[in-house]
Amino acid sequence: MPKLSTRSIKIIKTCNLYLCFLVLGMSVALCPANTVRFKNLVNTDMAHIAFIYTARSTGYLIGSLAGRQVYNLS
């Protein structure tokens, strides 16, 4: 495997971050629009559906902490 230059590594990291924020924005935009439909689909109340937002925020926190470790290693 060929060695990558420092410039190439920085470009790859930048593109990776842009892609992550694009996917993050798409997931944030889709969730509120489909909440009522999802509630009706699984036949539950809004309190249980609201757990999705808590789980998503916890996932962001854990992902941010893990991502920090990954980027500090390289």
PDB file of N, CA and C in Angstrom:
ATOM      1  N   MET A   1       0.846  -1.177   0.000  1.00  0.00           N
ATOM      2  CA  MET A   1       0.000   0.000   0.000  1.00  0.00           C
ATOM      3  C   MET A   1       0.891   1.240   0.000  1.00  0.00           C
ATOM      4  N   PRO A   2       0.642   2.157  -0.936  1.00  0.00           N
ATOM      5  CA  PRO A   2       1.505   3.340  -1.014  1.00  0.00           C
ATOM      6  C   PRO A   2       1.271   4.296   0.155  1.00  0.00           C
ATOM      7  N   LYS A   3       2.324   4.993   0.520  1.00  0.00           N
ATOM      8  CA  LYS A   3       2.240   5.987   1.597  1.00  0.00           C
ATOM      9  C   LYS A   3       1.529   7.223   1.069  1.00  0.00           C
ATOM     10  N   LEU A   4       0.653   7.787   1.897  1.00  0.00           N
ATOM     11  CA  LEU A   4      -0.052   9.012   1.539  1.00  0.00           C
ATOM     12  C   LEU A   4       0.679  10.204   2.129  1.00  0.00           C
ATOM     13  N   SER A   5       0.674  11.291   1.386  1.00  0.00           N
ATOM     14  CA  SER A   5       1.308  12.501   1.890  1.00  0.00           C
ATOM     15  C   SER A   5       0.417  13.151   2.946  1.00  0.00           C
ATOM     16  N   THR A   6       0.979  14.061   3.690  1.00  0.00           N
ATOM     17  CA  THR A   6       0.232  14.772   4.726  1.00  0.00           C
ATOM     18  C   THR A   6      -0.924  15.550   4.116  1.00  0.00           C
ATOM     19  N   ARG A   7      -0.699  16.136   2.958  1.00  0.00           N
ATOM     20  CA  ARG A   7      -1.757  16.889   2.266  1.00  0.00           C
ATOM     21  C   ARG A   7      -2.906  15.976   1.875  1.00  0.00           C
ATOM     22  N   SER A   8      -2.598  14.791   1.373  1.00  0.00           N
ATOM     23  CA  SER A   8      -3.641  13.838   0.979  1.00  0.00           C
ATOM     24  C   SER A   8      -4.458  13.384   2.184  1.00  0.00           C
ATOM     25  N   ILE A   9      -3.785  13.159   3.288  1.00  0.00           N
ATOM     26  CA  ILE A   9      -4.493  12.744   4.507  1.00  0.00           C
ATOM     27  C   ILE A   9      -5.434  13.846   4.976  1.00  0.00           C
ATOM     28  N   LYS A  10      -4.986  15.108   4.917  1.00  0.00           N
ATOM     29  CA  LYS A  10      -5.846  16.224   5.323  1.00  0.00           C
ATOM     30  C   LYS A  10      -7.062  16.342   4.404  1.00  0.00           C
ATOM     31  N   ILE A  11      -6.872  16.128   3.117  1.00  0.00           N
ATOM     32  CA  ILE A  11      -7.992  16.201   2.164  1.00  0.00           C
ATOM     33  C   ILE A  11      -8.987  15.076   2.435  1.00  0.00           C
ATOM     34  N   ILE A  12      -8.494  13.881   2.701  1.00  0.00           N
ATOM     35  CA  ILE A  12      -9.372  12.744   2.998  1.00  0.00           C
ATOM     36  C   ILE A  12     -10.164  12.999   4.276  1.00  0.00           C
ATOM     37  N   LYS A  13      -9.509  13.518   5.315  1.00  0.00           N
ATOM     38  CA  LYS A  13     -10.208  13.833   6.564  1.00  0.00           C
ATOM     39  C   LYS A  13     -11.274  14.900   6.348  1.00  0.00           C
ATOM     40  N   THR A  14     -10.953  15.921   5.567  1.00  0.00           N
ATOM     41  CA  THR A  14     -11.912  16.990   5.294  1.00  0.00           C
ATOM     42  C   THR A  14     -13.128  16.456   4.547  1.00  0.00           C
ATOM     43  N   CYS A  15     -12.894  15.639   3.527  1.00  0.00           N
ATOM     44  CA  CYS A  15     -14.014  15.056   2.775  1.00  0.00           C
ATOM     45  C   CYS A  15     -14.847  14.143   3.669  1.00  0.00           C
ATOM     46  N   ASN A  16     -14.206  13.411   4.546  1.00  0.00           N
ATOM     47  CA  ASN A  16     -14.910  12.541   5.473  1.00  0.00           C
ATOM     48  C   ASN A  16     -15.812  13.361   6.405  1.00  0.00           C
ATOM     49  N   LEU A  17     -15.295  14.468   6.930  1.00  0.00           N
ATOM     50  CA  LEU A  17     -16.095  15.320   7.805  1.00  0.00           C
ATOM     51  C   LEU A  17     -17.271  15.939   7.057  1.00  0.00           C
ATOM     52  N   TYR A  18     -17.049  16.393   5.830  1.00  0.00           N
ATOM     53  CA  TYR A  18     -18.150  16.947   5.025  1.00  0.00           C
ATOM     54  C   TYR A  18     -19.239  15.904   4.808  1.00  0.00           C
ATOM     55  N   LEU A  19     -18.834  14.687   4.494  1.00  0.00           N
ATOM     56  CA  LEU A  19     -19.804  13.612   4.271  1.00  0.00           C
ATOM     57  C   LEU A  19     -20.565  13.282   5.550  1.00  0.00           C
ATOM     58  N   CYS A  20     -19.870  13.268   6.676  1.00  0.00           N
ATOM     59  CA  CYS A  20     -20.535  12.995   7.955  1.00  0.00           C
ATOM     60  C   CYS A  20     -21.578  14.051   8.277  1.00  0.00           C
ATOM     61  N   PHE A  21     -21.255  15.323   8.066  1.00  0.00           N
ATOM     62  CA  PHE A  21     -22.221  16.377   8.350  1.00  0.00           C
ATOM     63  C   PHE A  21     -23.377  16.372   7.362  1.00  0.00           C
ATOM     64  N   LEU A  22     -23.133  15.966   6.131  1.00  0.00           N
ATOM     65  CA  LEU A  22     -24.225  15.832   5.163  1.00  0.00           C
ATOM     66  C   LEU A  22     -25.206  14.759   5.618  1.00  0.00           C
ATOM     67  N   VAL A  23     -24.700  13.602   6.000  1.00  0.00           N
ATOM     68  CA  VAL A  23     -25.550  12.510   6.474  1.00  0.00           C
ATOM     69  C   VAL A  23     -26.256  12.900   7.772  1.00  0.00           C
ATOM     70  N   LEU A  24     -25.557  13.584   8.658  1.00  0.00           N
ATOM     71  CA  LEU A  24     -26.150  14.038   9.912  1.00  0.00           C
ATOM     72  C   LEU A  24     -27.311  14.993   9.645  1.00  0.00           C
ATOM     73  N   GLY A  25     -27.116  15.942   8.748  1.00  0.00           N
ATOM     74  CA  GLY A  25     -28.188  16.872   8.405  1.00  0.00           C
ATOM     75  C   GLY A  25     -29.387  16.175   7.795  1.00  0.00           C
ATOM     76  N   MET A  26     -29.144  15.185   6.957  1.00  0.00           N
ATOM     77  CA  MET A  26     -30.250  14.446   6.349  1.00  0.00           C
ATOM     78  C   MET A  26     -31.028  13.666   7.398  1.00  0.00           C
ATOM     79  N   SER A  27     -30.330  13.072   8.355  1.00  0.00           N
ATOM     80  CA  SER A  27     -31.035  12.299   9.381  1.00  0.00           C
ATOM     81  C   SER A  27     -31.823  13.198  10.319  1.00  0.00           C
ATOM     82  N   VAL A  28     -31.310  14.380  10.606  1.00  0.00           N
ATOM     83  CA  VAL A  28     -32.028  15.322  11.467  1.00  0.00           C
ATOM     84  C   VAL A  28     -33.273  15.854  10.752  1.00  0.00           C
ATOM     85  N   ALA A  29     -33.180  16.070   9.463  1.00  0.00           N
ATOM     86  CA  ALA A  29     -34.304  16.616   8.709  1.00  0.00           C
ATOM     87  C   ALA A  29     -35.430  15.596   8.524  1.00  0.00           C
ATOM     88  N   LEU A  30     -35.106  14.326   8.442  1.00  0.00           N
ATOM     89  CA  LEU A  30     -36.125  13.314   8.183  1.00  0.00           C
ATOM     90  C   LEU A  30     -36.925  12.911   9.409  1.00  0.00           C
ATOM     91  N   CYS A  31     -36.331  12.946  10.571  1.00  0.00           N
ATOM     92  CA  CYS A  31     -36.984  12.418  11.766  1.00  0.00           C
ATOM     93  C   CYS A  31     -38.265  13.171  12.162  1.00  0.00           C
ATOM     94  N   PRO A  32     -38.277  14.504  12.291  1.00  0.00           N
ATOM     95  CA  PRO A  32     -39.519  15.180  12.712  1.00  0.00           C
ATOM     96  C   PRO A  32     -40.651  15.050  11.697  1.00  0.00           C
ATOM     97  N   ALA A  33     -40.325  15.008  10.437  1.00  0.00           N
ATOM     98  CA  ALA A  33     -41.358  14.929   9.410  1.00  0.00           C
ATOM     99  C   ALA A  33     -42.093  13.590   9.439  1.00  0.00           C
ATOM    100  N   ASN A  34     -41.445  12.553   9.886  1.00  0.00           N
ATOM    101  CA  ASN A  34     -42.040  11.216   9.870  1.00  0.00           C
ATOM    102  C   ASN A  34     -42.491  10.728  11.239  1.00  0.00           C
ATOM    103  N   THR A  35     -42.414  11.553  12.264  1.00  0.00           N
ATOM    104  CA  THR A  35     -42.738  11.114  13.620  1.00  0.00           C
ATOM    105  C   THR A  35     -44.183  10.656  13.746  1.00  0.00           C
ATOM    106  N   VAL A  36     -45.119  11.439  13.242  1.00  0.00           N
ATOM    107  CA  VAL A  36     -46.540  11.087  13.364  1.00  0.00           C
ATOM    108  C   VAL A  36     -46.849   9.822  12.562  1.00  0.00           C
ATOM    109  N   ARG A  37     -46.292   9.729  11.368  1.00  0.00           N
ATOM    110  CA  ARG A  37     -46.517   8.534  10.555  1.00  0.00           C
ATOM    111  C   ARG A  37     -45.944   7.289  11.223  1.00  0.00           C
ATOM    112  N   PHE A  38     -44.758   7.442  11.803  1.00  0.00           N
ATOM    113  CA  PHE A  38     -44.137   6.317  12.496  1.00  0.00           C
ATOM    114  C   PHE A  38     -44.947   5.914  13.720  1.00  0.00           C
ATOM    115  N   LYS A  39     -45.483   6.899  14.440  1.00  0.00           N
ATOM    116  CA  LYS A  39     -46.320   6.621  15.618  1.00  0.00           C
ATOM    117  C   LYS A  39     -47.534   5.786  15.221  1.00  0.00           C
ATOM    118  N   ASN A  40     -48.167   6.148  14.131  1.00  0.00           N
ATOM    119  CA  ASN A  40     -49.334   5.397  13.658  1.00  0.00           C
ATOM    120  C   ASN A  40     -48.944   4.014  13.134  1.00  0.00           C
ATOM    121  N   LEU A  41     -47.782   3.908  12.542  1.00  0.00           N
ATOM    122  CA  LEU A  41     -47.330   2.638  11.974  1.00  0.00           C
ATOM    123  C   LEU A  41     -47.080   1.594  13.055  1.00  0.00           C
ATOM    124  N   VAL A  42     -46.489   1.992  14.169  1.00  0.00           N
ATOM    125  CA  VAL A  42     -46.174   1.031  15.226  1.00  0.00           C
ATOM    126  C   VAL A  42     -47.212   1.013  16.343  1.00  0.00           C
ATOM    127  N   ASN A  43     -48.272   1.798  16.200  1.00  0.00           N
ATOM    128  CA  ASN A  43     -49.378   1.834  17.161  1.00  0.00           C
ATOM    129  C   ASN A  43     -48.908   2.075  18.597  1.00  0.00           C
ATOM    130  N   THR A  44     -48.269   3.195  18.807  1.00  0.00           N
ATOM    131  CA  THR A  44     -47.786   3.554  20.143  1.00  0.00           C
ATOM    132  C   THR A  44     -48.096   5.025  20.406  1.00  0.00           C
ATOM    133  N   ASP A  45     -47.773   5.501  21.591  1.00  0.00           N
ATOM    134  CA  ASP A  45     -48.056   6.901  21.915  1.00  0.00           C
ATOM    135  C   ASP A  45     -46.813   7.754  21.675  1.00  0.00           C
ATOM    136  N   MET A  46     -47.012   9.069  21.752  1.00  0.00           N
ATOM    137  CA  MET A  46     -45.955  10.002  21.426  1.00  0.00           C
ATOM    138  C   MET A  46     -44.806   9.960  22.443  1.00  0.00           C
ATOM    139  N   ALA A  47     -45.070   9.588  23.685  1.00  0.00           N
ATOM    140  CA  ALA A  47     -44.013   9.507  24.698  1.00  0.00           C
ATOM    141  C   ALA A  47     -42.970   8.446  24.325  1.00  0.00           C
ATOM    142  N   HIS A  48     -43.420   7.333  23.789  1.00  0.00           N
ATOM    143  CA  HIS A  48     -42.485   6.285  23.393  1.00  0.00           C
ATOM    144  C   HIS A  48     -41.741   6.661  22.115  1.00  0.00           C
ATOM    145  N   ILE A  49     -42.408   7.360  21.227  1.00  0.00           N
ATOM    146  CA  ILE A  49     -41.758   7.793  19.995  1.00  0.00           C
ATOM    147  C   ILE A  49     -40.710   8.861  20.303  1.00  0.00           C
ATOM    148  N   ALA A  50     -40.956   9.686  21.320  1.00  0.00           N
ATOM    149  CA  ALA A  50     -40.001  10.738  21.683  1.00  0.00           C
ATOM    150  C   ALA A  50     -38.673  10.162  22.160  1.00  0.00           C
ATOM    151  N   PHE A  51     -38.672   8.907  22.557  1.00  0.00           N
ATOM    152  CA  PHE A  51     -37.427   8.250  22.962  1.00  0.00           C
ATOM    153  C   PHE A  51     -36.421   8.222  21.820  1.00  0.00           C
ATOM    154  N   ILE A  52     -36.911   8.249  20.583  1.00  0.00           N
ATOM    155  CA  ILE A  52     -36.023   8.271  19.412  1.00  0.00           C
ATOM    156  C   ILE A  52     -35.088   9.465  19.485  1.00  0.00           C
ATOM    157  N   TYR A  53     -35.603  10.616  19.896  1.00  0.00           N
ATOM    158  CA  TYR A  53     -34.782  11.823  19.963  1.00  0.00           C
ATOM    159  C   TYR A  53     -33.713  11.714  21.048  1.00  0.00           C
ATOM    160  N   THR A  54     -34.066  11.124  22.174  1.00  0.00           N
ATOM    161  CA  THR A  54     -33.090  10.923  23.238  1.00  0.00           C
ATOM    162  C   THR A  54     -31.997   9.948  22.797  1.00  0.00           C
ATOM    163  N   ALA A  55     -32.401   8.872  22.157  1.00  0.00           N
ATOM    164  CA  ALA A  55     -31.433   7.881  21.684  1.00  0.00           C
ATOM    165  C   ALA A  55     -30.519   8.486  20.618  1.00  0.00           C
ATOM    166  N   ARG A  56     -31.081   9.299  19.747  1.00  0.00           N
ATOM    167  CA  ARG A  56     -30.273   9.935  18.708  1.00  0.00           C
ATOM    168  C   ARG A  56     -29.246  10.884  19.319  1.00  0.00           C
ATOM    169  N   SER A  57     -29.654  11.669  20.312  1.00  0.00           N
ATOM    170  CA  SER A  57     -28.733  12.596  20.962  1.00  0.00           C
ATOM    171  C   SER A  57     -27.631  11.853  21.710  1.00  0.00           C
ATOM    172  N   THR A  58     -27.983  10.749  22.346  1.00  0.00           N
ATOM    173  CA  THR A  58     -26.983   9.931  23.020  1.00  0.00           C
ATOM    174  C   THR A  58     -26.004   9.346  22.005  1.00  0.00           C
ATOM    175  N   GLY A  59     -26.510   8.942  20.876  1.00  0.00           N
ATOM    176  CA  GLY A  59     -25.647   8.434  19.808  1.00  0.00           C
ATOM    177  C   GLY A  59     -24.701   9.493  19.286  1.00  0.00           C
ATOM    178  N   TYR A  60     -25.170  10.736  19.155  1.00  0.00           N
ATOM    179  CA  TYR A  60     -24.298  11.834  18.736  1.00  0.00           C
ATOM    180  C   TYR A  60     -23.169  12.028  19.736  1.00  0.00           C
ATOM    181  N   LEU A  61     -23.514  11.996  21.012  1.00  0.00           N
ATOM    182  CA  LEU A  61     -22.513  12.189  22.054  1.00  0.00           C
ATOM    183  C   LEU A  61     -21.455  11.087  22.014  1.00  0.00           C
ATOM    184  N   ILE A  62     -21.898   9.852  21.958  1.00  0.00           N
ATOM    185  CA  ILE A  62     -20.968   8.725  21.930  1.00  0.00           C
ATOM    186  C   ILE A  62     -20.137   8.754  20.651  1.00  0.00           C
ATOM    187  N   GLY A  63     -20.777   9.055  19.532  1.00  0.00           N
ATOM    188  CA  GLY A  63     -20.054   9.138  18.264  1.00  0.00           C
ATOM    189  C   GLY A  63     -19.027  10.253  18.252  1.00  0.00           C
ATOM    190  N   SER A  64     -19.354  11.379  18.865  1.00  0.00           N
ATOM    191  CA  SER A  64     -18.397  12.481  18.940  1.00  0.00           C
ATOM    192  C   SER A  64     -17.189  12.113  19.785  1.00  0.00           C
ATOM    193  N   LEU A  65     -17.438  11.472  20.911  1.00  0.00           N
ATOM    194  CA  LEU A  65     -16.326  11.068  21.766  1.00  0.00           C
ATOM    195  C   LEU A  65     -15.456  10.004  21.087  1.00  0.00           C
ATOM    196  N   ALA A  66     -16.085   9.059  20.418  1.00  0.00           N
ATOM    197  CA  ALA A  66     -15.326   8.020  19.715  1.00  0.00           C
ATOM    198  C   ALA A  66     -14.583   8.610  18.518  1.00  0.00           C
ATOM    199  N   GLY A  67     -15.226   9.520  17.801  1.00  0.00           N
ATOM    200  CA  GLY A  67     -14.587  10.156  16.655  1.00  0.00           C
ATOM    201  C   GLY A  67     -13.371  10.969  17.044  1.00  0.00           C
ATOM    202  N   ARG A  68     -13.450  11.599  18.204  1.00  0.00           N
ATOM    203  CA  ARG A  68     -12.304  12.365  18.689  1.00  0.00           C
ATOM    204  C   ARG A  68     -11.103  11.445  18.883  1.00  0.00           C
ATOM    205  N   GLN A  69     -11.347  10.277  19.431  1.00  0.00           N
ATOM    206  CA  GLN A  69     -10.260   9.325  19.648  1.00  0.00           C
ATOM    207  C   GLN A  69      -9.687   8.817  18.333  1.00  0.00           C
ATOM    208  N   VAL A  70     -10.562   8.562  17.369  1.00  0.00           N
ATOM    209  CA  VAL A  70     -10.107   8.057  16.076  1.00  0.00           C
ATOM    210  C   VAL A  70      -9.246   9.095  15.358  1.00  0.00           C
ATOM    211  N   TYR A  71      -9.676  10.338  15.365  1.00  0.00           N
ATOM    212  CA  TYR A  71      -8.914  11.379  14.665  1.00  0.00           C
ATOM    213  C   TYR A  71      -7.643  11.758  15.403  1.00  0.00           C
ATOM    214  N   ASN A  72      -7.588  11.556  16.710  1.00  0.00           N
ATOM    215  CA  ASN A  72      -6.353  11.825  17.443  1.00  0.00           C
ATOM    216  C   ASN A  72      -5.296  10.746  17.185  1.00  0.00           C
ATOM    217  N   LEU A  73      -5.730   9.550  16.818  1.00  0.00           N
ATOM    218  CA  LEU A  73      -4.784   8.462  16.566  1.00  0.00           C
ATOM    219  C   LEU A  73      -4.045   8.641  15.247  1.00  0.00           C
ATOM    220  N   SER A  74      -4.703   9.252  14.266  1.00  0.00           N
ATOM    221  CA  SER A  74      -4.055   9.352  12.944  1.00  0.00           C
ATOM    222  C   SER A  74      -3.270  10.618  12.777  1.00  0.00           C
TER     223      SER A  74
END
